[in-house]
Amino acid sequence: MTDGALDPDSLSQSWAKPSKPRPIVIFGAGSIAGDAHFPAYGKAGFPVAGLFDPDHTKAERLAQKWGVATYRSVGEAAAIKDAVFDLATPPTHHAGVLRALPDGAVALI
């Protein structure tokens, strides 16, 4: 690399995997969850407990593909103990989901 350009192949990042990863609950069954979040969690070895989407048929299809549970309500999904909550929802829905999460919950937005 002599021309001063950044070579992306020269970049490397790694972190130690947690010994006891927390379950992940995904809110939203759209393309970002199916095409990006589920594959990334699978590749990293992080457990996805399940997902919620108001379109339960859509949620069932995605859950079946990835072998996870579906939840019938935001409250049911938010009740998963010690979970990390992944908000793969349109931004207009974030506040409603965040209000349903337990105090001190970890949320990825």
PDB file of N, CA and C in Angstrom:
ATOM      1  N   MET A   1       0.855  -1.165   0.000  1.00  0.00           N
ATOM      2  CA  MET A   1       0.000   0.000   0.000  1.00  0.00           C
ATOM      3  C   MET A   1       0.904   1.231   0.000  1.00  0.00           C
ATOM      4  N   THR A   2       1.215   1.683  -1.171  1.00  0.00           N
ATOM      5  CA  THR A   2       2.144   2.805  -1.286  1.00  0.00           C
ATOM      6  C   THR A   2       1.475   4.090  -1.728  1.00  0.00           C
ATOM      7  N   ASP A   3       0.242   3.996  -2.232  1.00  0.00           N
ATOM      8  CA  ASP A   3      -0.420   5.201  -2.742  1.00  0.00           C
ATOM      9  C   ASP A   3      -1.217   5.951  -1.677  1.00  0.00           C
ATOM     10  N   GLY A   4      -1.164   5.501  -0.440  1.00  0.00           N
ATOM     11  CA  GLY A   4      -1.874   6.183   0.631  1.00  0.00           C
ATOM     12  C   GLY A   4      -3.345   5.801   0.752  1.00  0.00           C
ATOM     13  N   ALA A   5      -3.839   4.916  -0.121  1.00  0.00           N
ATOM     14  CA  ALA A   5      -5.238   4.487  -0.059  1.00  0.00           C
ATOM     15  C   ALA A   5      -5.415   3.460   1.058  1.00  0.00           C
ATOM     16  N   LEU A   6      -6.576   3.461   1.653  1.00  0.00           N
ATOM     17  CA  LEU A   6      -6.897   2.501   2.700  1.00  0.00           C
ATOM     18  C   LEU A   6      -7.184   1.147   2.071  1.00  0.00           C
ATOM     19  N   ASP A   7      -6.554   0.113   2.578  1.00  0.00           N
ATOM     20  CA  ASP A   7      -6.788  -1.253   2.129  1.00  0.00           C
ATOM     21  C   ASP A   7      -7.704  -1.927   3.150  1.00  0.00           C
ATOM     22  N   PRO A   8      -8.990  -2.136   2.817  1.00  0.00           N
ATOM     23  CA  PRO A   8      -9.925  -2.723   3.783  1.00  0.00           C
ATOM     24  C   PRO A   8      -9.484  -4.094   4.284  1.00  0.00           C
ATOM     25  N   ASP A   9      -8.755  -4.846   3.455  1.00  0.00           N
ATOM     26  CA  ASP A   9      -8.298  -6.165   3.885  1.00  0.00           C
ATOM     27  C   ASP A   9      -7.260  -6.086   4.999  1.00  0.00           C
ATOM     28  N   SER A  10      -6.679  -4.922   5.200  1.00  0.00           N
ATOM     29  CA  SER A  10      -5.675  -4.772   6.251  1.00  0.00           C
ATOM     30  C   SER A  10      -6.309  -4.533   7.622  1.00  0.00           C
ATOM     31  N   LEU A  11      -7.604  -4.308   7.655  1.00  0.00           N
ATOM     32  CA  LEU A  11      -8.294  -4.035   8.915  1.00  0.00           C
ATOM     33  C   LEU A  11      -8.711  -5.340   9.575  1.00  0.00           C
ATOM     34  N   SER A  12      -8.596  -5.403  10.875  1.00  0.00           N
ATOM     35  CA  SER A  12      -8.987  -6.596  11.608  1.00  0.00           C
ATOM     36  C   SER A  12      -9.497  -6.179  12.980  1.00  0.00           C
ATOM     37  N   GLN A  13     -10.614  -6.758  13.365  1.00  0.00           N
ATOM     38  CA  GLN A  13     -11.171  -6.511  14.692  1.00  0.00           C
ATOM     39  C   GLN A  13     -11.650  -7.835  15.251  1.00  0.00           C
ATOM     40  N   SER A  14     -11.463  -8.035  16.525  1.00  0.00           N
ATOM     41  CA  SER A  14     -12.009  -9.230  17.163  1.00  0.00           C
ATOM     42  C   SER A  14     -12.208  -8.947  18.646  1.00  0.00           C
ATOM     43  N   TRP A  15     -13.184  -9.598  19.200  1.00  0.00           N
ATOM     44  CA  TRP A  15     -13.505  -9.478  20.610  1.00  0.00           C
ATOM     45  C   TRP A  15     -13.708 -10.880  21.151  1.00  0.00           C
ATOM     46  N   ALA A  16     -13.411 -11.048  22.403  1.00  0.00           N
ATOM     47  CA  ALA A  16     -13.666 -12.332  23.044  1.00  0.00           C
ATOM     48  C   ALA A  16     -15.170 -12.563  23.113  1.00  0.00           C
ATOM     49  N   LYS A  17     -15.581 -13.797  22.840  1.00  0.00           N
ATOM     50  CA  LYS A  17     -17.007 -14.123  22.938  1.00  0.00           C
ATOM     51  C   LYS A  17     -17.375 -14.283  24.410  1.00  0.00           C
ATOM     52  N   PRO A  18     -18.585 -13.845  24.765  1.00  0.00           N
ATOM     53  CA  PRO A  18     -18.993 -14.013  26.160  1.00  0.00           C
ATOM     54  C   PRO A  18     -19.126 -15.498  26.499  1.00  0.00           C
ATOM     55  N   SER A  19     -18.793 -15.867  27.726  1.00  0.00           N
ATOM     56  CA  SER A  19     -18.897 -17.271  28.126  1.00  0.00           C
ATOM     57  C   SER A  19     -20.354 -17.699  28.273  1.00  0.00           C
ATOM     58  N   LYS A  20     -21.216 -16.762  28.615  1.00  0.00           N
ATOM     59  CA  LYS A  20     -22.649 -17.051  28.747  1.00  0.00           C
ATOM     60  C   LYS A  20     -23.431 -15.965  28.016  1.00  0.00           C
ATOM     61  N   PRO A  21     -23.533 -16.066  26.683  1.00  0.00           N
ATOM     62  CA  PRO A  21     -24.250 -15.014  25.949  1.00  0.00           C
ATOM     63  C   PRO A  21     -25.722 -14.957  26.346  1.00  0.00           C
ATOM     64  N   ARG A  22     -26.230 -13.745  26.412  1.00  0.00           N
ATOM     65  CA  ARG A  22     -27.634 -13.544  26.760  1.00  0.00           C
ATOM     66  C   ARG A  22     -28.510 -13.821  25.544  1.00  0.00           C
ATOM     67  N   PRO A  23     -29.737 -14.290  25.763  1.00  0.00           N
ATOM     68  CA  PRO A  23     -30.631 -14.519  24.623  1.00  0.00           C
ATOM     69  C   PRO A  23     -31.012 -13.192  23.970  1.00  0.00           C
ATOM     70  N   ILE A  24     -31.208 -13.242  22.676  1.00  0.00           N
ATOM     71  CA  ILE A  24     -31.596 -12.056  21.915  1.00  0.00           C
ATOM     72  C   ILE A  24     -33.052 -12.200  21.504  1.00  0.00           C
ATOM     73  N   VAL A  25     -33.820 -11.153  21.697  1.00  0.00           N
ATOM     74  CA  VAL A  25     -35.208 -11.091  21.240  1.00  0.00           C
ATOM     75  C   VAL A  25     -35.272  -9.994  20.192  1.00  0.00           C
ATOM     76  N   ILE A  26     -35.752 -10.356  19.012  1.00  0.00           N
ATOM     77  CA  ILE A  26     -35.822  -9.403  17.907  1.00  0.00           C
ATOM     78  C   ILE A  26     -37.251  -8.899  17.751  1.00  0.00           C
ATOM     79  N   PHE A  27     -37.392  -7.593  17.674  1.00  0.00           N
ATOM     80  CA  PHE A  27     -38.676  -6.969  17.360  1.00  0.00           C
ATOM     81  C   PHE A  27     -38.623  -6.572  15.894  1.00  0.00           C
ATOM     82  N   GLY A  28     -39.481  -7.181  15.086  1.00  0.00           N
ATOM     83  CA  GLY A  28     -39.530  -6.893  13.657  1.00  0.00           C
ATOM     84  C   GLY A  28     -39.115  -8.104  12.843  1.00  0.00           C
ATOM     85  N   ALA A  29     -39.907  -8.435  11.844  1.00  0.00           N
ATOM     86  CA  ALA A  29     -39.634  -9.597  10.989  1.00  0.00           C
ATOM     87  C   ALA A  29     -39.428  -9.176   9.543  1.00  0.00           C
ATOM     88  N   GLY A  30     -38.916  -7.984   9.343  1.00  0.00           N
ATOM     89  CA  GLY A  30     -38.681  -7.492   7.987  1.00  0.00           C
ATOM     90  C   GLY A  30     -37.345  -7.950   7.433  1.00  0.00           C
ATOM     91  N   SER A  31     -36.991  -7.368   6.308  1.00  0.00           N
ATOM     92  CA  SER A  31     -35.784  -7.808   5.605  1.00  0.00           C
ATOM     93  C   SER A  31     -34.507  -7.546   6.397  1.00  0.00           C
ATOM     94  N   ILE A  32     -34.446  -6.475   7.181  1.00  0.00           N
ATOM     95  CA  ILE A  32     -33.218  -6.219   7.942  1.00  0.00           C
ATOM     96  C   ILE A  32     -32.981  -7.329   8.960  1.00  0.00           C
ATOM     97  N   ALA A  33     -34.051  -7.820   9.572  1.00  0.00           N
ATOM     98  CA  ALA A  33     -33.905  -8.923  10.532  1.00  0.00           C
ATOM     99  C   ALA A  33     -33.526 -10.214   9.814  1.00  0.00           C
ATOM    100  N   GLY A  34     -34.244 -10.527   8.743  1.00  0.00           N
ATOM    101  CA  GLY A  34     -34.011 -11.786   8.039  1.00  0.00           C
ATOM    102  C   GLY A  34     -32.729 -11.834   7.239  1.00  0.00           C
ATOM    103  N   ASP A  35     -32.365 -10.713   6.634  1.00  0.00           N
ATOM    104  CA  ASP A  35     -31.191 -10.696   5.748  1.00  0.00           C
ATOM    105  C   ASP A  35     -29.896 -10.295   6.442  1.00  0.00           C
ATOM    106  N   ALA A  36     -29.997  -9.639   7.597  1.00  0.00           N
ATOM    107  CA  ALA A  36     -28.782  -9.145   8.247  1.00  0.00           C
ATOM    108  C   ALA A  36     -28.644  -9.613   9.699  1.00  0.00           C
ATOM    109  N   HIS A  37     -29.650  -9.361  10.529  1.00  0.00           N
ATOM    110  CA  HIS A  37     -29.503  -9.637  11.954  1.00  0.00           C
ATOM    111  C   HIS A  37     -29.390 -11.130  12.248  1.00  0.00           C
ATOM    112  N   PHE A  38     -30.338 -11.937  11.753  1.00  0.00           N
ATOM    113  CA  PHE A  38     -30.272 -13.381  12.008  1.00  0.00           C
ATOM    114  C   PHE A  38     -28.968 -13.994  11.494  1.00  0.00           C
ATOM    115  N   PRO A  39     -28.553 -13.712  10.247  1.00  0.00           N
ATOM    116  CA  PRO A  39     -27.286 -14.291   9.784  1.00  0.00           C
ATOM    117  C   PRO A  39     -26.081 -13.843  10.627  1.00  0.00           C
ATOM    118  N   ALA A  40     -26.066 -12.582  11.036  1.00  0.00           N
ATOM    119  CA  ALA A  40     -24.938 -12.086  11.840  1.00  0.00           C
ATOM    120  C   ALA A  40     -24.896 -12.757  13.208  1.00  0.00           C
ATOM    121  N   TYR A  41     -26.049 -12.870  13.862  1.00  0.00           N
ATOM    122  CA  TYR A  41     -26.083 -13.533  15.164  1.00  0.00           C
ATOM    123  C   TYR A  41     -25.675 -14.994  15.026  1.00  0.00           C
ATOM    124  N   GLY A  42     -26.141 -15.658  13.970  1.00  0.00           N
ATOM    125  CA  GLY A  42     -25.765 -17.047  13.742  1.00  0.00           C
ATOM    126  C   GLY A  42     -24.267 -17.200  13.534  1.00  0.00           C
ATOM    127  N   LYS A  43     -23.701 -16.337  12.730  1.00  0.00           N
ATOM    128  CA  LYS A  43     -22.260 -16.386  12.451  1.00  0.00           C
ATOM    129  C   LYS A  43     -21.450 -16.144  13.719  1.00  0.00           C
ATOM    130  N   ALA A  44     -21.936 -15.253  14.565  1.00  0.00           N
ATOM    131  CA  ALA A  44     -21.235 -14.931  15.813  1.00  0.00           C
ATOM    132  C   ALA A  44     -21.491 -15.962  16.908  1.00  0.00           C
ATOM    133  N   GLY A  45     -22.485 -16.826  16.708  1.00  0.00           N
ATOM    134  CA  GLY A  45     -22.814 -17.822  17.714  1.00  0.00           C
ATOM    135  C   GLY A  45     -23.660 -17.299  18.856  1.00  0.00           C
ATOM    136  N   PHE A  46     -24.380 -16.201  18.620  1.00  0.00           N
ATOM    137  CA  PHE A  46     -25.241 -15.642  19.653  1.00  0.00           C
ATOM    138  C   PHE A  46     -26.639 -16.246  19.549  1.00  0.00           C
ATOM    139  N   PRO A  47     -27.225 -16.649  20.683  1.00  0.00           N
ATOM    140  CA  PRO A  47     -28.537 -17.294  20.654  1.00  0.00           C
ATOM    141  C   PRO A  47     -29.683 -16.292  20.483  1.00  0.00           C
ATOM    142  N   VAL A  48     -30.545 -16.548  19.524  1.00  0.00           N
ATOM    143  CA  VAL A  48     -31.765 -15.750  19.360  1.00  0.00           C
ATOM    144  C   VAL A  48     -32.896 -16.560  19.981  1.00  0.00           C
ATOM    145  N   ALA A  49     -33.547 -15.986  20.986  1.00  0.00           N
ATOM    146  CA  ALA A  49     -34.640 -16.671  21.671  1.00  0.00           C
ATOM    147  C   ALA A  49     -35.901 -16.672  20.824  1.00  0.00           C
ATOM    148  N   GLY A  50     -36.167 -15.549  20.151  1.00  0.00           N
ATOM    149  CA  GLY A  50     -37.375 -15.459  19.349  1.00  0.00           C
ATOM    150  C   GLY A  50     -37.596 -14.059  18.835  1.00  0.00           C
ATOM    151  N   LEU A  51     -38.775 -13.875  18.218  1.00  0.00           N
ATOM    152  CA  LEU A  51     -39.079 -12.570  17.653  1.00  0.00           C
ATOM    153  C   LEU A  51     -40.560 -12.255  17.749  1.00  0.00           C
ATOM    154  N   PHE A  52     -40.825 -10.965  17.680  1.00  0.00           N
ATOM    155  CA  PHE A  52     -42.200 -10.466  17.629  1.00  0.00           C
ATOM    156  C   PHE A  52     -42.340  -9.545  16.436  1.00  0.00           C
ATOM    157  N   ASP A  53     -43.453  -9.695  15.741  1.00  0.00           N
ATOM    158  CA  ASP A  53     -43.871  -8.754  14.709  1.00  0.00           C
ATOM    159  C   ASP A  53     -45.390  -8.715  14.758  1.00  0.00           C
ATOM    160  N   PRO A  54     -46.007  -7.541  14.605  1.00  0.00           N
ATOM    161  CA  PRO A  54     -47.471  -7.487  14.628  1.00  0.00           C
ATOM    162  C   PRO A  54     -48.099  -8.316  13.508  1.00  0.00           C
ATOM    163  N   ASP A  55     -47.367  -8.543  12.428  1.00  0.00           N
ATOM    164  CA  ASP A  55     -47.818  -9.446  11.366  1.00  0.00           C
ATOM    165  C   ASP A  55     -47.331 -10.840  11.748  1.00  0.00           C
ATOM    166  N   HIS A  56     -48.204 -11.565  12.488  1.00  0.00           N
ATOM    167  CA  HIS A  56     -47.768 -12.840  13.059  1.00  0.00           C
ATOM    168  C   HIS A  56     -47.414 -13.868  11.983  1.00  0.00           C
ATOM    169  N   THR A  57     -48.086 -13.832  10.845  1.00  0.00           N
ATOM    170  CA  THR A  57     -47.765 -14.760   9.758  1.00  0.00           C
ATOM    171  C   THR A  57     -46.332 -14.532   9.278  1.00  0.00           C
ATOM    172  N   LYS A  58     -45.973 -13.287   9.112  1.00  0.00           N
ATOM    173  CA  LYS A  58     -44.609 -12.924   8.703  1.00  0.00           C
ATOM    174  C   LYS A  58     -43.598 -13.374   9.766  1.00  0.00           C
ATOM    175  N   ALA A  59     -43.932 -13.153  11.020  1.00  0.00           N
ATOM    176  CA  ALA A  59     -43.059 -13.566  12.119  1.00  0.00           C
ATOM    177  C   ALA A  59     -42.881 -15.080  12.127  1.00  0.00           C
ATOM    178  N   GLU A  60     -43.961 -15.814  11.942  1.00  0.00           N
ATOM    179  CA  GLU A  60     -43.899 -17.283  11.925  1.00  0.00           C
ATOM    180  C   GLU A  60     -42.986 -17.785  10.814  1.00  0.00           C
ATOM    181  N   ARG A  61     -43.097 -17.189   9.629  1.00  0.00           N
ATOM    182  CA  ARG A  61     -42.243 -17.613   8.502  1.00  0.00           C
ATOM    183  C   ARG A  61     -40.767 -17.433   8.834  1.00  0.00           C
ATOM    184  N   LEU A  62     -40.430 -16.271   9.357  1.00  0.00           N
ATOM    185  CA  LEU A  62     -39.034 -15.992   9.673  1.00  0.00           C
ATOM    186  C   LEU A  62     -38.558 -16.862  10.840  1.00  0.00           C
ATOM    187  N   ALA A  63     -39.401 -17.029  11.840  1.00  0.00           N
ATOM    188  CA  ALA A  63     -39.039 -17.851  12.997  1.00  0.00           C
ATOM    189  C   ALA A  63     -38.803 -19.299  12.579  1.00  0.00           C
ATOM    190  N   GLN A  64     -39.636 -19.795  11.700  1.00  0.00           N
ATOM    191  CA  GLN A  64     -39.479 -21.175  11.224  1.00  0.00           C
ATOM    192  C   GLN A  64     -38.160 -21.333  10.461  1.00  0.00           C
ATOM    193  N   LYS A  65     -37.837 -20.347   9.642  1.00  0.00           N
ATOM    194  CA  LYS A  65     -36.587 -20.398   8.871  1.00  0.00           C
ATOM    195  C   LYS A  65     -35.373 -20.486   9.792  1.00  0.00           C
ATOM    196  N   TRP A  66     -35.407 -19.762  10.905  1.00  0.00           N
ATOM    197  CA  TRP A  66     -34.248 -19.689  11.796  1.00  0.00           C
ATOM    198  C   TRP A  66     -34.384 -20.550  13.052  1.00  0.00           C
ATOM    199  N   GLY A  67     -35.510 -21.254  13.199  1.00  0.00           N
ATOM    200  CA  GLY A  67     -35.686 -22.162  14.326  1.00  0.00           C
ATOM    201  C   GLY A  67     -35.806 -21.485  15.675  1.00  0.00           C
ATOM    202  N   VAL A  68     -36.562 -20.383  15.716  1.00  0.00           N
ATOM    203  CA  VAL A  68     -36.751 -19.662  16.976  1.00  0.00           C
ATOM    204  C   VAL A  68     -38.239 -19.533  17.287  1.00  0.00           C
ATOM    205  N   ALA A  69     -38.544 -19.094  18.481  1.00  0.00           N
ATOM    206  CA  ALA A  69     -39.928 -18.900  18.924  1.00  0.00           C
ATOM    207  C   ALA A  69     -40.498 -17.591  18.379  1.00  0.00           C
ATOM    208  N   THR A  70     -41.822 -17.515  18.373  1.00  0.00           N
ATOM    209  CA  THR A  70     -42.492 -16.241  18.093  1.00  0.00           C
ATOM    210  C   THR A  70     -43.289 -15.860  19.334  1.00  0.00           C
ATOM    211  N   TYR A  71     -43.467 -14.561  19.495  1.00  0.00           N
ATOM    212  CA  TYR A  71     -44.239 -14.044  20.616  1.00  0.00           C
ATOM    213  C   TYR A  71     -45.461 -13.340  20.062  1.00  0.00           C
ATOM    214  N   ARG A  72     -46.565 -13.426  20.776  1.00  0.00           N
ATOM    215  CA  ARG A  72     -47.845 -12.877  20.317  1.00  0.00           C
ATOM    216  C   ARG A  72     -48.024 -11.400  20.632  1.00  0.00           C
ATOM    217  N   SER A  73     -47.173 -10.855  21.490  1.00  0.00           N
ATOM    218  CA  SER A  73     -47.320  -9.442  21.857  1.00  0.00           C
ATOM    219  C   SER A  73     -45.958  -8.857  22.216  1.00  0.00           C
ATOM    220  N   VAL A  74     -45.891  -7.539  22.198  1.00  0.00           N
ATOM    221  CA  VAL A  74     -44.676  -6.847  22.626  1.00  0.00           C
ATOM    222  C   VAL A  74     -44.376  -7.217  24.075  1.00  0.00           C
ATOM    223  N   GLY A  75     -45.417  -7.251  24.906  1.00  0.00           N
ATOM    224  CA  GLY A  75     -45.239  -7.584  26.318  1.00  0.00           C
ATOM    225  C   GLY A  75     -44.683  -8.976  26.534  1.00  0.00           C
ATOM    226  N   GLU A  76     -45.172  -9.939  25.765  1.00  0.00           N
ATOM    227  CA  GLU A  76     -44.667 -11.310  25.889  1.00  0.00           C
ATOM    228  C   GLU A  76     -43.185 -11.369  25.503  1.00  0.00           C
ATOM    229  N   ALA A  77     -42.822 -10.697  24.426  1.00  0.00           N
ATOM    230  CA  ALA A  77     -41.423 -10.679  23.988  1.00  0.00           C
ATOM    231  C   ALA A  77     -40.547  -9.954  25.004  1.00  0.00           C
ATOM    232  N   ALA A  78     -41.054  -8.875  25.565  1.00  0.00           N
ATOM    233  CA  ALA A  78     -40.288  -8.072  26.525  1.00  0.00           C
ATOM    234  C   ALA A  78     -40.093  -8.795  27.854  1.00  0.00           C
ATOM    235  N   ALA A  79     -40.872  -9.838  28.106  1.00  0.00           N
ATOM    236  CA  ALA A  79     -40.794 -10.564  29.372  1.00  0.00           C
ATOM    237  C   ALA A  79     -39.683 -11.615  29.401  1.00  0.00           C
ATOM    238  N   ILE A  80     -38.965 -11.794  28.308  1.00  0.00           N
ATOM    239  CA  ILE A  80     -37.900 -12.797  28.281  1.00  0.00           C
ATOM    240  C   ILE A  80     -36.773 -12.335  29.212  1.00  0.00           C
ATOM    241  N   LYS A  81     -36.486 -13.157  30.193  1.00  0.00           N
ATOM    242  CA  LYS A  81     -35.542 -12.800  31.262  1.00  0.00           C
ATOM    243  C   LYS A  81     -34.115 -12.649  30.732  1.00  0.00           C
ATOM    244  N   ASP A  82     -33.468 -11.576  31.147  1.00  0.00           N
ATOM    245  CA  ASP A  82     -32.055 -11.296  30.849  1.00  0.00           C
ATOM    246  C   ASP A  82     -31.742 -11.196  29.358  1.00  0.00           C
ATOM    247  N   ALA A  83     -32.731 -10.844  28.555  1.00  0.00           N
ATOM    248  CA  ALA A  83     -32.528 -10.775  27.102  1.00  0.00           C
ATOM    249  C   ALA A  83     -31.875  -9.464  26.684  1.00  0.00           C
ATOM    250  N   VAL A  84     -31.288  -9.520  25.515  1.00  0.00           N
ATOM    251  CA  VAL A  84     -30.860  -8.327  24.788  1.00  0.00           C
ATOM    252  C   VAL A  84     -31.938  -8.105  23.740  1.00  0.00           C
ATOM    253  N   PHE A  85     -32.496  -6.915  23.669  1.00  0.00           N
ATOM    254  CA  PHE A  85     -33.609  -6.640  22.766  1.00  0.00           C
ATOM    255  C   PHE A  85     -33.119  -5.890  21.537  1.00  0.00           C
ATOM    256  N   ASP A  86     -33.372  -6.474  20.378  1.00  0.00           N
ATOM    257  CA  ASP A  86     -32.941  -5.928  19.090  1.00  0.00           C
ATOM    258  C   ASP A  86     -34.163  -5.306  18.419  1.00  0.00           C
ATOM    259  N   LEU A  87     -34.170  -3.991  18.285  1.00  0.00           N
ATOM    260  CA  LEU A  87     -35.299  -3.298  17.660  1.00  0.00           C
ATOM    261  C   LEU A  87     -35.041  -3.146  16.168  1.00  0.00           C
ATOM    262  N   ALA A  88     -35.521  -4.108  15.410  1.00  0.00           N
ATOM    263  CA  ALA A  88     -35.408  -4.092  13.948  1.00  0.00           C
ATOM    264  C   ALA A  88     -36.751  -3.634  13.380  1.00  0.00           C
ATOM    265  N   THR A  89     -37.229  -2.544  13.930  1.00  0.00           N
ATOM    266  CA  THR A  89     -38.539  -2.000  13.575  1.00  0.00           C
ATOM    267  C   THR A  89     -38.353  -0.635  12.926  1.00  0.00           C
ATOM    268  N   PRO A  90     -39.395  -0.153  12.255  1.00  0.00           N
ATOM    269  CA  PRO A  90     -39.314   1.229  11.770  1.00  0.00           C
ATOM    270  C   PRO A  90     -39.130   2.172  12.967  1.00  0.00           C
ATOM    271  N   PRO A  91     -38.386   3.247  12.797  1.00  0.00           N
ATOM    272  CA  PRO A  91     -38.128   4.174  13.909  1.00  0.00           C
ATOM    273  C   PRO A  91     -39.391   4.675  14.607  1.00  0.00           C
ATOM    274  N   THR A  92     -40.483   4.783  13.896  1.00  0.00           N
ATOM    275  CA  THR A  92     -41.725   5.261  14.513  1.00  0.00           C
ATOM    276  C   THR A  92     -42.261   4.292  15.566  1.00  0.00           C
ATOM    277  N   HIS A  93     -41.762   3.063  15.598  1.00  0.00           N
ATOM    278  CA  HIS A  93     -42.217   2.063  16.578  1.00  0.00           C
ATOM    279  C   HIS A  93     -41.257   1.902  17.755  1.00  0.00           C
ATOM    280  N   HIS A  94     -40.091   2.526  17.686  1.00  0.00           N
ATOM    281  CA  HIS A  94     -39.093   2.334  18.736  1.00  0.00           C
ATOM    282  C   HIS A  94     -39.602   2.745  20.114  1.00  0.00           C
ATOM    283  N   ALA A  95     -40.212   3.898  20.228  1.00  0.00           N
ATOM    284  CA  ALA A  95     -40.645   4.388  21.543  1.00  0.00           C
ATOM    285  C   ALA A  95     -41.623   3.426  22.203  1.00  0.00           C
ATOM    286  N   GLY A  96     -42.565   2.895  21.444  1.00  0.00           N
ATOM    287  CA  GLY A  96     -43.534   1.955  22.003  1.00  0.00           C
ATOM    288  C   GLY A  96     -42.884   0.683  22.515  1.00  0.00           C
ATOM    289  N   VAL A  97     -41.924   0.165  21.769  1.00  0.00           N
ATOM    290  CA  VAL A  97     -41.215  -1.037  22.211  1.00  0.00           C
ATOM    291  C   VAL A  97     -40.373  -0.718  23.439  1.00  0.00           C
ATOM    292  N   LEU A  98     -39.648   0.382  23.413  1.00  0.00           N
ATOM    293  CA  LEU A  98     -38.798   0.741  24.552  1.00  0.00           C
ATOM    294  C   LEU A  98     -39.605   0.907  25.834  1.00  0.00           C
ATOM    295  N   ARG A  99     -40.806   1.465  25.734  1.00  0.00           N
ATOM    296  CA  ARG A  99     -41.661   1.628  26.925  1.00  0.00           C
ATOM    297  C   ARG A  99     -42.038   0.279  27.524  1.00  0.00           C
ATOM    298  N   ALA A 100     -42.134  -0.760  26.699  1.00  0.00           N
ATOM    299  CA  ALA A 100     -42.542  -2.082  27.174  1.00  0.00           C
ATOM    300  C   ALA A 100     -41.396  -2.871  27.808  1.00  0.00           C
ATOM    301  N   LEU A 101     -40.159  -2.458  27.569  1.00  0.00           N
ATOM    302  CA  LEU A 101     -39.016  -3.213  28.085  1.00  0.00           C
ATOM    303  C   LEU A 101     -38.839  -2.979  29.579  1.00  0.00           C
ATOM    304  N   PRO A 102     -38.297  -3.975  30.272  1.00  0.00           N
ATOM    305  CA  PRO A 102     -38.057  -3.796  31.709  1.00  0.00           C
ATOM    306  C   PRO A 102     -37.024  -2.698  31.967  1.00  0.00           C
ATOM    307  N   ASP A 103     -37.112  -2.082  33.120  1.00  0.00           N
ATOM    308  CA  ASP A 103     -36.127  -1.065  33.509  1.00  0.00           C
ATOM    309  C   ASP A 103     -34.729  -1.665  33.455  1.00  0.00           C
ATOM    310  N   GLY A 104     -33.799  -0.946  32.858  1.00  0.00           N
ATOM    311  CA  GLY A 104     -32.421  -1.399  32.781  1.00  0.00           C
ATOM    312  C   GLY A 104     -32.134  -2.394  31.675  1.00  0.00           C
ATOM    313  N   ALA A 105     -33.128  -2.669  30.832  1.00  0.00           N
ATOM    314  CA  ALA A 105     -32.932  -3.638  29.748  1.00  0.00           C
ATOM    315  C   ALA A 105     -31.908  -3.126  28.742  1.00  0.00           C
ATOM    316  N   VAL A 106     -31.230  -4.060  28.097  1.00  0.00           N
ATOM    317  CA  VAL A 106     -30.280  -3.731  27.037  1.00  0.00           C
ATOM    318  C   VAL A 106     -31.034  -3.759  25.719  1.00  0.00           C
ATOM    319  N   ALA A 107     -30.971  -2.655  24.969  1.00  0.00           N
ATOM    320  CA  ALA A 107     -31.663  -2.570  23.679  1.00  0.00           C
ATOM    321  C   ALA A 107     -30.691  -2.119  22.605  1.00  0.00           C
ATOM    322  N   LEU A 108     -30.723  -2.814  21.481  1.00  0.00           N
ATOM    323  CA  LEU A 108     -29.958  -2.430  20.298  1.00  0.00           C
ATOM    324  C   LEU A 108     -30.917  -1.753  19.346  1.00  0.00           C
ATOM    325  N   ILE A 109     -30.609  -0.538  18.951  1.00  0.00           N
ATOM    326  CA  ILE A 109     -31.499   0.207  18.059  1.00  0.00           C
ATOM    327  C   ILE A 109     -30.761   0.512  16.781  1.00  0.00           C
TER     328      ILE A 109
END
